Protein backbone atom coordinates (compact mmCIF):
# COMPACT_ATOMS: atom_id res chain seq x y z
CA MET A 1 -18.99 -17.25 17.70
CA SER A 2 -16.98 -16.90 14.52
CA ASN A 3 -13.41 -15.70 14.39
CA PRO A 4 -13.56 -12.12 13.04
CA VAL A 5 -10.30 -12.69 11.17
CA THR A 6 -11.94 -15.31 8.93
CA GLU A 7 -15.61 -14.29 9.20
CA ILE A 8 -16.78 -12.05 6.38
CA ALA A 9 -18.82 -9.02 7.41
CA ILE A 10 -21.48 -8.24 4.81
CA VAL A 11 -22.69 -4.66 5.11
CA THR A 12 -25.85 -3.86 3.17
CA THR A 13 -26.60 -0.32 2.03
CA GLY A 14 -29.46 -0.96 -0.40
CA GLY A 15 -29.25 -0.37 -4.11
CA THR A 16 -30.77 -2.33 -6.97
CA ILE A 17 -29.66 -5.66 -5.52
CA ASP A 18 -32.34 -5.31 -2.80
CA LYS A 19 -35.03 -3.51 -4.82
CA THR A 20 -38.55 -4.87 -4.97
CA TYR A 21 -41.78 -3.81 -6.65
CA PHE A 22 -43.54 -1.25 -4.51
CA ASP A 23 -46.85 -0.74 -6.27
CA ALA A 24 -48.97 -1.59 -9.30
CA LEU A 25 -47.24 1.14 -11.31
CA SER A 26 -44.00 -0.89 -11.18
CA ALA A 27 -42.21 1.63 -9.00
CA TYR A 28 -39.29 0.19 -7.06
CA GLN A 29 -38.30 0.57 -3.45
CA VAL A 30 -35.28 -0.82 -1.63
CA GLY A 31 -36.63 -3.60 0.56
CA GLU A 32 -35.28 -6.03 3.10
CA THR A 33 -31.94 -7.47 2.06
CA VAL A 34 -31.93 -10.74 0.13
CA VAL A 35 -28.23 -11.46 0.68
CA GLU A 36 -28.74 -14.05 3.41
CA ARG A 37 -31.26 -15.92 1.27
CA MET A 38 -28.81 -15.95 -1.65
CA LEU A 39 -26.00 -17.28 0.56
CA LYS A 40 -28.27 -20.01 1.94
CA ILE A 41 -29.38 -21.04 -1.56
CA GLY A 42 -25.69 -21.09 -2.54
CA ARG A 43 -25.00 -23.36 0.47
CA VAL A 44 -22.27 -21.04 1.72
CA THR A 45 -20.60 -22.54 4.78
CA HIS A 46 -17.85 -19.95 5.22
CA PRO A 47 -18.62 -17.87 8.35
CA TYR A 48 -20.29 -14.52 7.75
CA LYS A 49 -22.45 -11.95 9.47
CA ILE A 50 -24.83 -9.47 7.88
CA ILE A 51 -25.02 -5.88 9.06
CA GLU A 52 -27.87 -3.91 7.53
CA THR A 53 -27.12 -0.18 7.47
CA PHE A 54 -29.20 1.64 4.89
CA ARG A 55 -32.04 0.82 2.54
CA LYS A 56 -31.26 3.48 -0.01
CA ASP A 57 -30.74 3.84 -3.71
CA SER A 58 -27.10 4.89 -4.05
CA LEU A 59 -28.17 8.23 -5.57
CA GLU A 60 -29.76 8.98 -2.18
CA LEU A 61 -26.60 8.28 -0.15
CA THR A 62 -25.15 11.41 1.41
CA ASP A 63 -21.65 12.36 2.53
CA SER A 64 -22.90 11.77 6.07
CA ASP A 65 -24.00 8.23 5.10
CA ARG A 66 -20.57 7.55 3.59
CA ASP A 67 -18.87 8.86 6.75
CA ALA A 68 -21.05 6.55 8.87
CA LEU A 69 -20.17 3.62 6.59
CA PHE A 70 -16.47 4.49 6.83
CA ASN A 71 -16.65 4.54 10.65
CA LEU A 72 -18.61 1.28 10.76
CA VAL A 73 -16.12 -0.57 8.53
CA LEU A 74 -13.14 0.92 10.35
CA ALA A 75 -14.54 -0.28 13.71
CA LEU A 76 -15.27 -3.84 12.54
CA GLU A 77 -12.95 -6.52 13.87
CA ASN A 78 -13.42 -8.38 10.58
CA ASN A 79 -10.56 -8.23 8.06
CA SER A 80 -12.86 -9.10 5.14
CA VAL A 81 -15.85 -6.90 4.33
CA VAL A 82 -18.36 -7.13 1.49
CA ILE A 83 -20.58 -4.07 0.97
CA THR A 84 -23.72 -4.32 -1.14
CA HIS A 85 -24.24 -0.98 -2.82
CA GLY A 86 -26.13 0.68 -5.64
CA THR A 87 -24.06 0.97 -8.80
CA ASP A 88 -24.58 4.67 -9.56
CA THR A 89 -22.33 5.97 -6.76
CA MET A 90 -20.40 2.83 -5.83
CA THR A 91 -17.12 4.38 -6.99
CA ASP A 92 -17.73 7.45 -4.77
CA THR A 93 -18.06 5.20 -1.73
CA ALA A 94 -14.99 3.19 -2.74
CA LYS A 95 -12.94 6.41 -2.74
CA VAL A 96 -14.12 7.27 0.79
CA LEU A 97 -13.10 3.81 2.07
CA GLN A 98 -9.61 3.84 0.47
CA SER A 99 -7.82 5.00 3.61
CA ILE A 100 -8.99 2.12 5.81
CA PRO A 101 -5.88 0.02 6.47
CA GLY A 102 -5.55 -3.75 6.79
CA LYS A 103 -8.94 -4.79 5.44
CA THR A 104 -10.09 -6.34 2.20
CA ILE A 105 -13.21 -4.36 1.29
CA VAL A 106 -15.30 -5.43 -1.70
CA LEU A 107 -18.18 -3.34 -3.02
CA VAL A 108 -20.75 -5.17 -5.11
CA GLY A 109 -24.14 -4.49 -6.61
CA ALA A 110 -26.46 -5.60 -9.36
CA LEU A 111 -27.88 -4.11 -12.51
CA SER A 112 -31.21 -5.86 -11.91
CA PRO A 113 -32.85 -6.76 -8.59
CA ALA A 114 -31.88 -10.08 -6.97
CA ARG A 115 -35.57 -10.94 -6.81
CA PHE A 116 -35.62 -11.18 -10.64
CA ALA A 117 -34.99 -14.60 -12.18
CA GLU A 118 -32.37 -13.28 -14.60
CA SER A 119 -30.47 -11.03 -12.20
CA ASP A 120 -26.70 -10.70 -12.06
CA ALA A 121 -26.92 -10.37 -8.26
CA GLU A 122 -26.12 -13.96 -7.24
CA PHE A 123 -23.08 -14.17 -9.50
CA ASN A 124 -21.81 -10.78 -8.30
CA ILE A 125 -22.28 -11.68 -4.62
CA GLY A 126 -20.43 -14.95 -5.18
CA MET A 127 -17.51 -13.12 -6.76
CA ALA A 128 -17.43 -10.57 -3.96
CA PHE A 129 -17.44 -13.32 -1.36
CA ALA A 130 -14.49 -15.02 -3.10
CA ILE A 131 -12.50 -11.80 -3.50
CA ALA A 132 -13.05 -10.92 0.16
CA GLN A 133 -11.34 -14.21 1.07
CA SER A 134 -8.49 -14.10 -1.43
CA ALA A 135 -7.42 -10.54 -2.24
CA LEU A 136 -4.82 -8.49 -0.43
CA PRO A 137 -6.06 -5.65 1.78
CA GLY A 138 -7.53 -2.80 -0.25
CA VAL A 139 -10.79 -1.62 -1.74
CA TYR A 140 -12.25 -3.47 -4.73
CA ILE A 141 -15.35 -3.35 -6.87
CA THR A 142 -16.54 -6.56 -8.46
CA MET A 143 -19.15 -6.42 -11.21
CA ASN A 144 -19.75 -8.10 -14.55
CA GLY A 145 -17.25 -10.90 -13.87
CA HIS A 146 -14.41 -8.44 -13.28
CA VAL A 147 -12.50 -7.32 -10.21
CA PHE A 148 -11.40 -3.70 -10.22
CA ALA A 149 -9.29 -1.62 -7.88
CA GLY A 150 -11.83 0.66 -6.20
CA ASP A 151 -10.07 3.81 -7.40
CA LYS A 152 -9.50 2.66 -10.98
CA VAL A 153 -13.01 1.96 -12.23
CA ARG A 154 -16.09 3.76 -13.50
CA LYS A 155 -19.61 2.83 -14.46
CA ASP A 156 -20.23 3.05 -18.20
CA ARG A 157 -23.93 3.84 -18.34
CA ASP A 158 -24.14 3.31 -22.11
CA SER A 159 -22.91 -0.30 -21.93
CA GLY A 160 -24.46 -1.03 -18.53
CA SER A 161 -21.16 -2.28 -17.14
CA PHE A 162 -18.11 -1.24 -15.16
CA VAL A 163 -14.83 -0.52 -16.94
CA ALA A 164 -11.31 0.21 -15.79
CA ASN A 165 -10.19 3.86 -15.83
């Protein structure tokens, strides 16, 4: 059993990172998480555990879902938590998690599904994993090669990236 102080808890909520083709019309659906496969391909040896919570697009997450996520993260013994999340409402969830003390919480997503060859998902997950190990307690969002304070960032839909407020 891993030491929860050093083990990273990876909580999956869905979002583009886990989307897959659903039908011949190219509709997408959030599928089974691909995070463990990415970590295995990356030969990650740092201890981690994966906790699958939702399989939702972030636009479908409710206040009740965010409350459940808050309570789950608060109850974890782990000091380091990575949360995979859809990008559209990632900042809303970051705000809800701000009051959790003593944990480094990193929200991460992708602008194209991890199942795509040219996805940003693997790079973003790698950054989140590193930040979870090295940053001081707080809530962070890591996207596009940047690390942002969770309450000082927004998604710029026109540029398809996250920018500091």
